[in-house]
Amino acid sequence: MFELCTEHDWRLIALGIMPDYVHLFLEVDPTFAPSVIIKRIKGRASHHFMLNFVQLF
């Protein structure tokens, strides 16, 4: 998550992680659509999980 924010010049203001959900509070350039931001976050997370937790898939 932190690398993704750095790559896109997003500022992570708050992060809350619970067992079944995650809350993010980001400061992002208004030219980014919320759907694009979520797509990038979910894509990066999916890639990370598939590499590190192969036994779950």
N, C-alpha and C. Protein backbone atom coordinates (compact mmCIF):
# COMPACT_ATOMS: atom_id res chain seq x y z
N MET A 1 0.82 -1.19 0.00
CA MET A 1 0.00 0.00 0.00
C MET A 1 0.86 1.25 0.00
N PHE A 2 1.89 1.25 0.83
CA PHE A 2 2.73 2.43 0.93
C PHE A 2 3.49 2.69 -0.37
N GLU A 3 3.93 1.62 -1.02
CA GLU A 3 4.64 1.79 -2.29
C GLU A 3 3.70 2.35 -3.36
N LEU A 4 2.46 1.89 -3.37
CA LEU A 4 1.47 2.35 -4.34
C LEU A 4 1.20 3.85 -4.15
N CYS A 5 1.09 4.27 -2.90
CA CYS A 5 0.88 5.69 -2.62
C CYS A 5 2.06 6.52 -3.10
N THR A 6 3.26 6.02 -2.87
CA THR A 6 4.46 6.73 -3.30
C THR A 6 4.54 6.82 -4.82
N GLU A 7 4.21 5.73 -5.50
CA GLU A 7 4.28 5.70 -6.96
C GLU A 7 3.34 6.71 -7.61
N HIS A 8 2.18 6.94 -7.00
CA HIS A 8 1.17 7.81 -7.60
C HIS A 8 1.03 9.16 -6.91
N ASP A 9 1.96 9.48 -6.02
CA ASP A 9 1.93 10.74 -5.27
C ASP A 9 0.64 10.93 -4.49
N TRP A 10 0.15 9.83 -3.91
CA TRP A 10 -1.02 9.91 -3.03
C TRP A 10 -0.50 10.04 -1.61
N ARG A 11 -1.25 10.73 -0.76
CA ARG A 11 -0.85 10.86 0.64
C ARG A 11 -1.80 10.02 1.48
N LEU A 12 -1.25 9.04 2.18
CA LEU A 12 -2.02 8.19 3.07
C LEU A 12 -2.17 8.93 4.39
N ILE A 13 -3.40 9.33 4.69
CA ILE A 13 -3.67 10.09 5.91
C ILE A 13 -3.99 9.16 7.07
N ALA A 14 -4.80 8.15 6.82
CA ALA A 14 -5.16 7.20 7.88
C ALA A 14 -5.40 5.83 7.27
N LEU A 15 -5.08 4.81 8.06
CA LEU A 15 -5.26 3.42 7.65
C LEU A 15 -5.79 2.65 8.84
N GLY A 16 -6.93 2.01 8.67
CA GLY A 16 -7.51 1.18 9.72
C GLY A 16 -7.76 -0.21 9.19
N ILE A 17 -7.16 -1.21 9.81
CA ILE A 17 -7.28 -2.59 9.34
C ILE A 17 -8.04 -3.41 10.37
N MET A 18 -9.11 -4.04 9.93
CA MET A 18 -9.92 -4.91 10.77
C MET A 18 -9.88 -6.30 10.13
N PRO A 19 -10.36 -7.33 10.83
CA PRO A 19 -10.29 -8.69 10.27
C PRO A 19 -11.02 -8.85 8.93
N ASP A 20 -12.09 -8.09 8.69
CA ASP A 20 -12.87 -8.29 7.47
C ASP A 20 -12.98 -7.06 6.58
N TYR A 21 -12.29 -5.98 6.88
CA TYR A 21 -12.31 -4.80 6.01
C TYR A 21 -11.15 -3.87 6.32
N VAL A 22 -10.92 -2.93 5.42
CA VAL A 22 -9.85 -1.94 5.57
C VAL A 22 -10.44 -0.57 5.27
N HIS A 23 -10.10 0.41 6.10
CA HIS A 23 -10.48 1.79 5.86
C HIS A 23 -9.23 2.57 5.46
N LEU A 24 -9.34 3.31 4.36
CA LEU A 24 -8.25 4.16 3.89
C LEU A 24 -8.75 5.59 3.77
N PHE A 25 -7.93 6.51 4.19
CA PHE A 25 -8.22 7.92 4.00
C PHE A 25 -7.03 8.49 3.24
N LEU A 26 -7.24 8.79 1.96
CA LEU A 26 -6.17 9.22 1.06
C LEU A 26 -6.39 10.65 0.58
N GLU A 27 -5.29 11.34 0.37
CA GLU A 27 -5.34 12.62 -0.33
C GLU A 27 -4.79 12.36 -1.73
N VAL A 28 -5.65 12.57 -2.74
CA VAL A 28 -5.33 12.20 -4.11
C VAL A 28 -5.65 13.37 -5.03
N ASP A 29 -4.89 13.50 -6.10
CA ASP A 29 -5.18 14.49 -7.12
C ASP A 29 -6.61 14.27 -7.64
N PRO A 30 -7.43 15.31 -7.74
CA PRO A 30 -8.83 15.12 -8.14
C PRO A 30 -9.03 14.60 -9.56
N THR A 31 -7.97 14.48 -10.33
CA THR A 31 -8.12 13.92 -11.67
C THR A 31 -8.26 12.40 -11.64
N PHE A 32 -7.92 11.76 -10.51
CA PHE A 32 -8.09 10.31 -10.35
C PHE A 32 -9.53 10.02 -9.95
N ALA A 33 -10.18 9.16 -10.69
CA ALA A 33 -11.53 8.72 -10.33
C ALA A 33 -11.43 7.73 -9.18
N PRO A 34 -12.37 7.77 -8.24
CA PRO A 34 -12.34 6.80 -7.13
C PRO A 34 -12.29 5.35 -7.61
N SER A 35 -12.97 5.04 -8.69
CA SER A 35 -12.95 3.67 -9.21
C SER A 35 -11.56 3.25 -9.66
N VAL A 36 -10.79 4.17 -10.21
CA VAL A 36 -9.42 3.89 -10.66
C VAL A 36 -8.52 3.64 -9.45
N ILE A 37 -8.69 4.44 -8.42
CA ILE A 37 -7.88 4.28 -7.20
C ILE A 37 -8.14 2.91 -6.58
N ILE A 38 -9.41 2.54 -6.43
CA ILE A 38 -9.76 1.26 -5.83
C ILE A 38 -9.26 0.10 -6.70
N LYS A 39 -9.38 0.24 -8.02
CA LYS A 39 -8.90 -0.80 -8.93
C LYS A 39 -7.40 -1.03 -8.74
N ARG A 40 -6.64 0.04 -8.61
CA ARG A 40 -5.19 -0.10 -8.44
C ARG A 40 -4.84 -0.72 -7.09
N ILE A 41 -5.54 -0.30 -6.04
CA ILE A 41 -5.29 -0.85 -4.70
C ILE A 41 -5.62 -2.34 -4.67
N LYS A 42 -6.79 -2.71 -5.18
CA LYS A 42 -7.21 -4.11 -5.16
C LYS A 42 -6.30 -4.97 -6.04
N GLY A 43 -5.88 -4.43 -7.19
CA GLY A 43 -4.98 -5.18 -8.08
C GLY A 43 -3.64 -5.44 -7.43
N ARG A 44 -3.09 -4.44 -6.76
CA ARG A 44 -1.80 -4.61 -6.08
C ARG A 44 -1.93 -5.60 -4.92
N ALA A 45 -3.01 -5.50 -4.16
CA ALA A 45 -3.22 -6.41 -3.03
C ALA A 45 -3.38 -7.84 -3.52
N SER A 46 -4.13 -8.04 -4.59
CA SER A 46 -4.33 -9.37 -5.15
C SER A 46 -3.00 -9.98 -5.59
N HIS A 47 -2.20 -9.19 -6.28
CA HIS A 47 -0.89 -9.66 -6.74
C HIS A 47 -0.02 -10.05 -5.54
N HIS A 48 0.00 -9.21 -4.52
CA HIS A 48 0.80 -9.48 -3.31
C HIS A 48 0.35 -10.78 -2.64
N PHE A 49 -0.96 -10.96 -2.48
CA PHE A 49 -1.46 -12.16 -1.82
C PHE A 49 -1.17 -13.42 -2.63
N MET A 50 -1.30 -13.34 -3.94
CA MET A 50 -1.03 -14.52 -4.78
C MET A 50 0.44 -14.93 -4.73
N LEU A 51 1.33 -13.96 -4.60
CA LEU A 51 2.76 -14.28 -4.51
C LEU A 51 3.13 -14.86 -3.16
N ASN A 52 2.54 -14.33 -2.10
CA ASN A 52 2.96 -14.69 -0.74
C ASN A 52 2.12 -15.77 -0.06
N PHE A 53 0.92 -16.02 -0.58
CA PHE A 53 0.04 -17.00 0.05
C PHE A 53 -0.52 -17.95 -0.99
N VAL A 54 0.37 -18.59 -1.74
CA VAL A 54 0.00 -19.49 -2.83
C VAL A 54 -0.88 -20.62 -2.32
N GLN A 55 -0.65 -21.10 -1.11
CA GLN A 55 -1.40 -22.22 -0.58
C GLN A 55 -2.90 -21.90 -0.40
N LEU A 56 -3.28 -20.64 -0.37
CA LEU A 56 -4.68 -20.28 -0.21
C LEU A 56 -5.45 -20.28 -1.53
N PHE A 57 -4.73 -20.31 -2.66
CA PHE A 57 -5.41 -20.23 -3.96
C PHE A 57 -5.43 -21.53 -4.66
